[in-house]
Each structure stands twice: as C-alpha cells, then as structure tokens.
Amino acid sequence: MIQISKVRLAVFALVFALCFAVIGAGTVLAAQNHMVNARNYLNSALSELQAAESNKGGHRNNAINYVKEALDQVNLGIQYANGQ
C-alpha cells in the first residue's frame, strides 16, 4: 500500500486549489480581454505622463486627469460586465 504523508497531501491540495483558482480567474479575464488590455495601456500612459516635465501649459495635468477618469470608467465597465 502506498503511504502518503499528510504534509504531501496538504501541499498537493494547495497546489491543486491554486491551479484551479488561476484557471477560473483566467476565464473571467478572457471575457474582458480588450478592457483589461485598455486598462494596461492607460496605466502605461499615466506613468509616461507623470514622468514628463510639467511645463506644458496645464495640458499635461489635464491629460493626467483624463487618463485617470478613463481608468475609472474602464474599471467600472469591467466590474459591470462581471456582475459586481
């Protein structure tokens, strides 16, 4: 008879649960692929705007605010589509 320790069994169960959670999360994100991509691009744009010099006649600050608002809207859209 094969003898499996409780520790090995617990580790196996934990790995299985983590894999199942990742696959489940991937399924939800797959349905929102374009929205998630848009959020990533907006976060990148925000980082670039924040790194830019500030002497742009107020346009840099306006762009930062618009990108933050766009991020809020994208997040709300993702939440809505996921039924939250």
PDB file of N, CA and C in Angstrom:
ATOM      1  N   MET A   1       0.837  -1.181   0.000  1.00  0.00           N
ATOM      2  CA  MET A   1       0.000   0.000   0.000  1.00  0.00           C
ATOM      3  C   MET A   1       0.884   1.247   0.000  1.00  0.00           C
ATOM      4  N   ILE A   2       0.512   2.233  -0.782  1.00  0.00           N
ATOM      5  CA  ILE A   2       1.278   3.473  -0.859  1.00  0.00           C
ATOM      6  C   ILE A   2       0.916   4.343   0.337  1.00  0.00           C
ATOM      7  N   GLN A   3       1.967   4.846   0.944  1.00  0.00           N
ATOM      8  CA  GLN A   3       1.750   5.681   2.118  1.00  0.00           C
ATOM      9  C   GLN A   3       2.077   7.129   1.753  1.00  0.00           C
ATOM     10  N   ILE A   4       1.110   8.033   1.905  1.00  0.00           N
ATOM     11  CA  ILE A   4       1.293   9.449   1.602  1.00  0.00           C
ATOM     12  C   ILE A   4       1.185  10.225   2.898  1.00  0.00           C
ATOM     13  N   SER A   5       2.177  11.053   3.123  1.00  0.00           N
ATOM     14  CA  SER A   5       2.156  11.832   4.366  1.00  0.00           C
ATOM     15  C   SER A   5       1.089  12.924   4.284  1.00  0.00           C
ATOM     16  N   LYS A   6       0.655  13.356   5.429  1.00  0.00           N
ATOM     17  CA  LYS A   6      -0.356  14.416   5.491  1.00  0.00           C
ATOM     18  C   LYS A   6       0.190  15.716   4.921  1.00  0.00           C
ATOM     19  N   VAL A   7       1.476  15.976   5.105  1.00  0.00           N
ATOM     20  CA  VAL A   7       2.093  17.195   4.583  1.00  0.00           C
ATOM     21  C   VAL A   7       2.075  17.163   3.055  1.00  0.00           C
ATOM     22  N   ARG A   8       2.464  16.035   2.459  1.00  0.00           N
ATOM     23  CA  ARG A   8       2.437  15.929   0.999  1.00  0.00           C
ATOM     24  C   ARG A   8       1.022  16.076   0.467  1.00  0.00           C
ATOM     25  N   LEU A   9       0.091  15.492   1.134  1.00  0.00           N
ATOM     26  CA  LEU A   9      -1.299  15.592   0.721  1.00  0.00           C
ATOM     27  C   LEU A   9      -1.785  17.043   0.802  1.00  0.00           C
ATOM     28  N   ALA A  10      -1.410  17.738   1.864  1.00  0.00           N
ATOM     29  CA  ALA A  10      -1.798  19.143   2.024  1.00  0.00           C
ATOM     30  C   ALA A  10      -1.157  20.006   0.940  1.00  0.00           C
ATOM     31  N   VAL A  11       0.113  19.761   0.641  1.00  0.00           N
ATOM     32  CA  VAL A  11       0.796  20.522  -0.408  1.00  0.00           C
ATOM     33  C   VAL A  11       0.125  20.268  -1.755  1.00  0.00           C
ATOM     34  N   PHE A  12      -0.182  19.008  -2.043  1.00  0.00           N
ATOM     35  CA  PHE A  12      -0.857  18.679  -3.293  1.00  0.00           C
ATOM     36  C   PHE A  12      -2.204  19.389  -3.383  1.00  0.00           C
ATOM     37  N   ALA A  13      -2.957  19.385  -2.306  1.00  0.00           N
ATOM     38  CA  ALA A  13      -4.265  20.043  -2.290  1.00  0.00           C
ATOM     39  C   ALA A  13      -4.128  21.545  -2.514  1.00  0.00           C
ATOM     40  N   LEU A  14      -3.112  22.145  -1.902  1.00  0.00           N
ATOM     41  CA  LEU A  14      -2.887  23.582  -2.061  1.00  0.00           C
ATOM     42  C   LEU A  14      -2.526  23.912  -3.503  1.00  0.00           C
ATOM     43  N   VAL A  15      -1.629  23.142  -4.103  1.00  0.00           N
ATOM     44  CA  VAL A  15      -1.241  23.364  -5.496  1.00  0.00           C
ATOM     45  C   VAL A  15      -2.449  23.194  -6.414  1.00  0.00           C
ATOM     46  N   PHE A  16      -3.237  22.177  -6.175  1.00  0.00           N
ATOM     47  CA  PHE A  16      -4.439  21.950  -6.976  1.00  0.00           C
ATOM     48  C   PHE A  16      -5.403  23.136  -6.854  1.00  0.00           C
ATOM     49  N   ALA A  17      -5.611  23.612  -5.644  1.00  0.00           N
ATOM     50  CA  ALA A  17      -6.522  24.743  -5.427  1.00  0.00           C
ATOM     51  C   ALA A  17      -6.016  26.005  -6.119  1.00  0.00           C
ATOM     52  N   LEU A  18      -4.711  26.243  -6.048  1.00  0.00           N
ATOM     53  CA  LEU A  18      -4.142  27.422  -6.701  1.00  0.00           C
ATOM     54  C   LEU A  18      -4.297  27.340  -8.217  1.00  0.00           C
ATOM     55  N   CYS A  19      -4.037  26.166  -8.782  1.00  0.00           N
ATOM     56  CA  CYS A  19      -4.201  25.987 -10.223  1.00  0.00           C
ATOM     57  C   CYS A  19      -5.652  26.199 -10.633  1.00  0.00           C
ATOM     58  N   PHE A  20      -6.564  25.673  -9.864  1.00  0.00           N
ATOM     59  CA  PHE A  20      -7.984  25.840 -10.154  1.00  0.00           C
ATOM     60  C   PHE A  20      -8.377  27.318 -10.080  1.00  0.00           C
ATOM     61  N   ALA A  21      -7.860  28.040  -9.087  1.00  0.00           N
ATOM     62  CA  ALA A  21      -8.173  29.467  -8.942  1.00  0.00           C
ATOM     63  C   ALA A  21      -7.621  30.263 -10.115  1.00  0.00           C
ATOM     64  N   VAL A  22      -6.410  29.948 -10.550  1.00  0.00           N
ATOM     65  CA  VAL A  22      -5.804  30.665 -11.674  1.00  0.00           C
ATOM     66  C   VAL A  22      -6.585  30.412 -12.952  1.00  0.00           C
ATOM     67  N   ILE A  23      -6.987  29.181 -13.179  1.00  0.00           N
ATOM     68  CA  ILE A  23      -7.767  28.866 -14.378  1.00  0.00           C
ATOM     69  C   ILE A  23      -9.105  29.588 -14.333  1.00  0.00           C
ATOM     70  N   GLY A  24      -9.736  29.623 -13.177  1.00  0.00           N
ATOM     71  CA  GLY A  24     -11.008  30.334 -13.029  1.00  0.00           C
ATOM     72  C   GLY A  24     -10.851  31.819 -13.250  1.00  0.00           C
ATOM     73  N   ALA A  25      -9.786  32.415 -12.716  1.00  0.00           N
ATOM     74  CA  ALA A  25      -9.541  33.844 -12.905  1.00  0.00           C
ATOM     75  C   ALA A  25      -9.245  34.135 -14.364  1.00  0.00           C
ATOM     76  N   GLY A  26      -8.524  33.245 -15.025  1.00  0.00           N
ATOM     77  CA  GLY A  26      -8.220  33.428 -16.437  1.00  0.00           C
ATOM     78  C   GLY A  26      -9.465  33.421 -17.292  1.00  0.00           C
ATOM     79  N   THR A  27     -10.442  32.627 -16.928  1.00  0.00           N
ATOM     80  CA  THR A  27     -11.692  32.570 -17.673  1.00  0.00           C
ATOM     81  C   THR A  27     -12.429  33.894 -17.582  1.00  0.00           C
ATOM     82  N   VAL A  28     -12.457  34.490 -16.402  1.00  0.00           N
ATOM     83  CA  VAL A  28     -13.120  35.782 -16.223  1.00  0.00           C
ATOM     84  C   VAL A  28     -12.391  36.858 -17.004  1.00  0.00           C
ATOM     85  N   LEU A  29     -11.054  36.864 -16.929  1.00  0.00           N
ATOM     86  CA  LEU A  29     -10.289  37.880 -17.647  1.00  0.00           C
ATOM     87  C   LEU A  29     -10.399  37.705 -19.151  1.00  0.00           C
ATOM     88  N   ALA A  30     -10.529  36.471 -19.620  1.00  0.00           N
ATOM     89  CA  ALA A  30     -10.630  36.230 -21.056  1.00  0.00           C
ATOM     90  C   ALA A  30     -11.867  36.909 -21.621  1.00  0.00           C
ATOM     91  N   ALA A  31     -12.932  36.945 -20.860  1.00  0.00           N
ATOM     92  CA  ALA A  31     -14.155  37.597 -21.321  1.00  0.00           C
ATOM     93  C   ALA A  31     -13.988  39.105 -21.386  1.00  0.00           C
ATOM     94  N   GLN A  32     -13.016  39.643 -20.674  1.00  0.00           N
ATOM     95  CA  GLN A  32     -12.784  41.077 -20.628  1.00  0.00           C
ATOM     96  C   GLN A  32     -11.423  41.441 -21.233  1.00  0.00           C
ATOM     97  N   ASN A  33     -10.979  40.658 -22.189  1.00  0.00           N
ATOM     98  CA  ASN A  33      -9.640  40.801 -22.745  1.00  0.00           C
ATOM     99  C   ASN A  33      -9.349  42.221 -23.230  1.00  0.00           C
ATOM    100  N   HIS A  34     -10.235  42.798 -23.994  1.00  0.00           N
ATOM    101  CA  HIS A  34      -9.992  44.139 -24.542  1.00  0.00           C
ATOM    102  C   HIS A  34     -10.015  45.212 -23.457  1.00  0.00           C
ATOM    103  N   MET A  35     -10.913  45.055 -22.500  1.00  0.00           N
ATOM    104  CA  MET A  35     -10.981  46.027 -21.401  1.00  0.00           C
ATOM    105  C   MET A  35      -9.718  45.951 -20.537  1.00  0.00           C
ATOM    106  N   VAL A  36      -9.250  44.751 -20.283  1.00  0.00           N
ATOM    107  CA  VAL A  36      -8.035  44.581 -19.482  1.00  0.00           C
ATOM    108  C   VAL A  36      -6.842  45.153 -20.238  1.00  0.00           C
ATOM    109  N   ASN A  37      -6.772  44.912 -21.542  1.00  0.00           N
ATOM    110  CA  ASN A  37      -5.693  45.489 -22.348  1.00  0.00           C
ATOM    111  C   ASN A  37      -5.751  47.011 -22.314  1.00  0.00           C
ATOM    112  N   ALA A  38      -6.950  47.554 -22.441  1.00  0.00           N
ATOM    113  CA  ALA A  38      -7.102  49.014 -22.399  1.00  0.00           C
ATOM    114  C   ALA A  38      -6.620  49.567 -21.063  1.00  0.00           C
ATOM    115  N   ARG A  39      -6.965  48.886 -19.978  1.00  0.00           N
ATOM    116  CA  ARG A  39      -6.529  49.326 -18.654  1.00  0.00           C
ATOM    117  C   ARG A  39      -5.005  49.308 -18.558  1.00  0.00           C
ATOM    118  N   ASN A  40      -4.387  48.281 -19.100  1.00  0.00           N
ATOM    119  CA  ASN A  40      -2.925  48.208 -19.073  1.00  0.00           C
ATOM    120  C   ASN A  40      -2.299  49.351 -19.857  1.00  0.00           C
ATOM    121  N   TYR A  41      -2.847  49.647 -21.038  1.00  0.00           N
ATOM    122  CA  TYR A  41      -2.327  50.751 -21.842  1.00  0.00           C
ATOM    123  C   TYR A  41      -2.534  52.093 -21.151  1.00  0.00           C
ATOM    124  N   LEU A  42      -3.674  52.267 -20.519  1.00  0.00           N
ATOM    125  CA  LEU A  42      -3.935  53.520 -19.798  1.00  0.00           C
ATOM    126  C   LEU A  42      -2.988  53.680 -18.616  1.00  0.00           C
ATOM    127  N   ASN A  43      -2.719  52.597 -17.901  1.00  0.00           N
ATOM    128  CA  ASN A  43      -1.755  52.677 -16.797  1.00  0.00           C
ATOM    129  C   ASN A  43      -0.374  53.052 -17.308  1.00  0.00           C
ATOM    130  N   SER A  44      -0.009  52.524 -18.447  1.00  0.00           N
ATOM    131  CA  SER A  44       1.278  52.852 -19.058  1.00  0.00           C
ATOM    132  C   SER A  44       1.314  54.327 -19.468  1.00  0.00           C
ATOM    133  N   ALA A  45       0.226  54.786 -20.069  1.00  0.00           N
ATOM    134  CA  ALA A  45       0.141  56.192 -20.476  1.00  0.00           C
ATOM    135  C   ALA A  45       0.222  57.110 -19.261  1.00  0.00           C
ATOM    136  N   LEU A  46      -0.446  56.733 -18.183  1.00  0.00           N
ATOM    137  CA  LEU A  46      -0.404  57.538 -16.972  1.00  0.00           C
ATOM    138  C   LEU A  46       1.011  57.640 -16.429  1.00  0.00           C
ATOM    139  N   SER A  47       1.739  56.546 -16.438  1.00  0.00           N
ATOM    140  CA  SER A  47       3.132  56.555 -15.968  1.00  0.00           C
ATOM    141  C   SER A  47       3.985  57.486 -16.821  1.00  0.00           C
ATOM    142  N   GLU A  48       3.788  57.438 -18.125  1.00  0.00           N
ATOM    143  CA  GLU A  48       4.553  58.305 -19.025  1.00  0.00           C
ATOM    144  C   GLU A  48       4.218  59.779 -18.797  1.00  0.00           C
ATOM    145  N   LEU A  49       2.942  60.068 -18.636  1.00  0.00           N
ATOM    146  CA  LEU A  49       2.530  61.454 -18.393  1.00  0.00           C
ATOM    147  C   LEU A  49       3.095  61.976 -17.078  1.00  0.00           C
ATOM    148  N   GLN A  50       3.079  61.148 -16.059  1.00  0.00           N
ATOM    149  CA  GLN A  50       3.597  61.567 -14.763  1.00  0.00           C
ATOM    150  C   GLN A  50       5.107  61.757 -14.801  1.00  0.00           C
ATOM    151  N   ALA A  51       5.794  61.029 -15.673  1.00  0.00           N
ATOM    152  CA  ALA A  51       7.249  61.163 -15.790  1.00  0.00           C
ATOM    153  C   ALA A  51       7.650  62.358 -16.653  1.00  0.00           C
ATOM    154  N   ALA A  52       6.724  62.879 -17.457  1.00  0.00           N
ATOM    155  CA  ALA A  52       7.027  64.006 -18.346  1.00  0.00           C
ATOM    156  C   ALA A  52       7.250  65.281 -17.530  1.00  0.00           C
ATOM    157  N   GLU A  53       7.992  66.208 -18.122  1.00  0.00           N
ATOM    158  CA  GLU A  53       8.206  67.509 -17.467  1.00  0.00           C
ATOM    159  C   GLU A  53       6.868  68.239 -17.358  1.00  0.00           C
ATOM    160  N   SER A  54       6.764  69.064 -16.353  1.00  0.00           N
ATOM    161  CA  SER A  54       5.464  69.673 -16.044  1.00  0.00           C
ATOM    162  C   SER A  54       5.182  70.976 -16.780  1.00  0.00           C
ATOM    163  N   ASN A  55       6.097  71.481 -17.583  1.00  0.00           N
ATOM    164  CA  ASN A  55       5.886  72.785 -18.221  1.00  0.00           C
ATOM    165  C   ASN A  55       5.170  72.634 -19.570  1.00  0.00           C
ATOM    166  N   LYS A  56       3.911  72.276 -19.510  1.00  0.00           N
ATOM    167  CA  LYS A  56       3.126  72.052 -20.728  1.00  0.00           C
ATOM    168  C   LYS A  56       1.876  72.938 -20.761  1.00  0.00           C
ATOM    169  N   GLY A  57       1.879  74.028 -20.057  1.00  0.00           N
ATOM    170  CA  GLY A  57       0.756  74.940 -20.081  1.00  0.00           C
ATOM    171  C   GLY A  57      -0.518  74.367 -19.483  1.00  0.00           C
ATOM    172  N   GLY A  58      -0.373  73.422 -18.570  1.00  0.00           N
ATOM    173  CA  GLY A  58      -1.530  72.815 -17.928  1.00  0.00           C
ATOM    174  C   GLY A  58      -2.101  71.614 -18.685  1.00  0.00           C
ATOM    175  N   HIS A  59      -1.633  71.389 -19.908  1.00  0.00           N
ATOM    176  CA  HIS A  59      -2.168  70.293 -20.722  1.00  0.00           C
ATOM    177  C   HIS A  59      -1.746  68.926 -20.189  1.00  0.00           C
ATOM    178  N   ARG A  60      -0.539  68.828 -19.631  1.00  0.00           N
ATOM    179  CA  ARG A  60      -0.094  67.568 -19.039  1.00  0.00           C
ATOM    180  C   ARG A  60      -1.001  67.189 -17.876  1.00  0.00           C
ATOM    181  N   ASN A  61      -1.288  68.154 -17.006  1.00  0.00           N
ATOM    182  CA  ASN A  61      -2.175  67.884 -15.867  1.00  0.00           C
ATOM    183  C   ASN A  61      -3.572  67.492 -16.330  1.00  0.00           C
ATOM    184  N   ASN A  62      -4.083  68.172 -17.365  1.00  0.00           N
ATOM    185  CA  ASN A  62      -5.396  67.805 -17.908  1.00  0.00           C
ATOM    186  C   ASN A  62      -5.366  66.374 -18.440  1.00  0.00           C
ATOM    187  N   ALA A  63      -4.303  66.026 -19.163  1.00  0.00           N
ATOM    188  CA  ALA A  63      -4.193  64.677 -19.721  1.00  0.00           C
ATOM    189  C   ALA A  63      -4.138  63.636 -18.604  1.00  0.00           C
ATOM    190  N   ILE A  64      -3.404  63.925 -17.533  1.00  0.00           N
ATOM    191  CA  ILE A  64      -3.335  63.011 -16.391  1.00  0.00           C
ATOM    192  C   ILE A  64      -4.736  62.791 -15.813  1.00  0.00           C
ATOM    193  N   ASN A  65      -5.473  63.864 -15.644  1.00  0.00           N
ATOM    194  CA  ASN A  65      -6.830  63.756 -15.101  1.00  0.00           C
ATOM    195  C   ASN A  65      -7.751  62.970 -16.032  1.00  0.00           C
ATOM    196  N   TYR A  66      -7.629  63.190 -17.358  1.00  0.00           N
ATOM    197  CA  TYR A  66      -8.459  62.451 -18.313  1.00  0.00           C
ATOM    198  C   TYR A  66      -8.128  60.959 -18.301  1.00  0.00           C
ATOM    199  N   VAL A  67      -6.852  60.632 -18.213  1.00  0.00           N
ATOM    200  CA  VAL A  67      -6.449  59.228 -18.186  1.00  0.00           C
ATOM    201  C   VAL A  67      -6.947  58.568 -16.895  1.00  0.00           C
ATOM    202  N   LYS A  68      -6.858  59.273 -15.772  1.00  0.00           N
ATOM    203  CA  LYS A  68      -7.374  58.719 -14.512  1.00  0.00           C
ATOM    204  C   LYS A  68      -8.873  58.471 -14.612  1.00  0.00           C
ATOM    205  N   GLU A  69      -9.599  59.398 -15.230  1.00  0.00           N
ATOM    206  CA  GLU A  69     -11.050  59.222 -15.408  1.00  0.00           C
ATOM    207  C   GLU A  69     -11.326  58.040 -16.332  1.00  0.00           C
ATOM    208  N   ALA A  70     -10.534  57.912 -17.392  1.00  0.00           N
ATOM    209  CA  ALA A  70     -10.705  56.777 -18.302  1.00  0.00           C
ATOM    210  C   ALA A  70     -10.451  55.457 -17.568  1.00  0.00           C
ATOM    211  N   LEU A  71      -9.433  55.418 -16.719  1.00  0.00           N
ATOM    212  CA  LEU A  71      -9.163  54.219 -15.918  1.00  0.00           C
ATOM    213  C   LEU A  71     -10.340  53.881 -15.017  1.00  0.00           C
ATOM    214  N   ASP A  72     -10.912  54.903 -14.392  1.00  0.00           N
ATOM    215  CA  ASP A  72     -12.086  54.677 -13.536  1.00  0.00           C
ATOM    216  C   ASP A  72     -13.233  54.073 -14.348  1.00  0.00           C
ATOM    217  N   GLN A  73     -13.457  54.609 -15.543  1.00  0.00           N
ATOM    218  CA  GLN A  73     -14.553  54.118 -16.378  1.00  0.00           C
ATOM    219  C   GLN A  73     -14.301  52.693 -16.856  1.00  0.00           C
ATOM    220  N   VAL A  74     -13.073  52.393 -17.228  1.00  0.00           N
ATOM    221  CA  VAL A  74     -12.739  51.034 -17.660  1.00  0.00           C
ATOM    222  C   VAL A  74     -12.944  50.056 -16.507  1.00  0.00           C
ATOM    223  N   ASN A  75     -12.485  50.431 -15.314  1.00  0.00           N
ATOM    224  CA  ASN A  75     -12.678  49.561 -14.146  1.00  0.00           C
ATOM    225  C   ASN A  75     -14.153  49.345 -13.846  1.00  0.00           C
ATOM    226  N   LEU A  76     -14.950  50.397 -13.958  1.00  0.00           N
ATOM    227  CA  LEU A  76     -16.391  50.262 -13.741  1.00  0.00           C
ATOM    228  C   LEU A  76     -17.020  49.356 -14.800  1.00  0.00           C
ATOM    229  N   GLY A  77     -16.553  49.473 -16.040  1.00  0.00           N
ATOM    230  CA  GLY A  77     -17.065  48.616 -17.099  1.00  0.00           C
ATOM    231  C   GLY A  77     -16.743  47.152 -16.851  1.00  0.00           C
ATOM    232  N   ILE A  78     -15.530  46.879 -16.398  1.00  0.00           N
ATOM    233  CA  ILE A  78     -15.133  45.504 -16.090  1.00  0.00           C
ATOM    234  C   ILE A  78     -15.979  44.959 -14.936  1.00  0.00           C
ATOM    235  N   GLN A  79     -16.160  45.770 -13.903  1.00  0.00           N
ATOM    236  CA  GLN A  79     -16.977  45.343 -12.768  1.00  0.00           C
ATOM    237  C   GLN A  79     -18.403  45.070 -13.197  1.00  0.00           C
ATOM    238  N   TYR A  80     -18.954  45.933 -14.035  1.00  0.00           N
ATOM    239  CA  TYR A  80     -20.330  45.760 -14.510  1.00  0.00           C
ATOM    240  C   TYR A  80     -20.473  44.464 -15.301  1.00  0.00           C
ATOM    241  N   ALA A  81     -19.532  44.211 -16.201  1.00  0.00           N
ATOM    242  CA  ALA A  81     -19.590  43.007 -17.026  1.00  0.00           C
ATOM    243  C   ALA A  81     -19.445  41.743 -16.192  1.00  0.00           C
ATOM    244  N   ASN A  82     -18.729  41.835 -15.075  1.00  0.00           N
ATOM    245  CA  ASN A  82     -18.543  40.682 -14.194  1.00  0.00           C
ATOM    246  C   ASN A  82     -19.661  40.560 -13.175  1.00  0.00           C
ATOM    247  N   GLY A  83     -20.650  41.428 -13.259  1.00  0.00           N
ATOM    248  CA  GLY A  83     -21.805  41.332 -12.368  1.00  0.00           C
ATOM    249  C   GLY A  83     -21.535  41.778 -10.944  1.00  0.00           C
ATOM    250  N   GLN A  84     -20.589  42.674 -10.762  1.00  0.00           N
ATOM    251  CA  GLN A  84     -20.259  43.117  -9.393  1.00  0.00           C
ATOM    252  C   GLN A  84     -20.829  44.452  -9.129  1.00  0.00           C
TER     253      GLN A  84
END
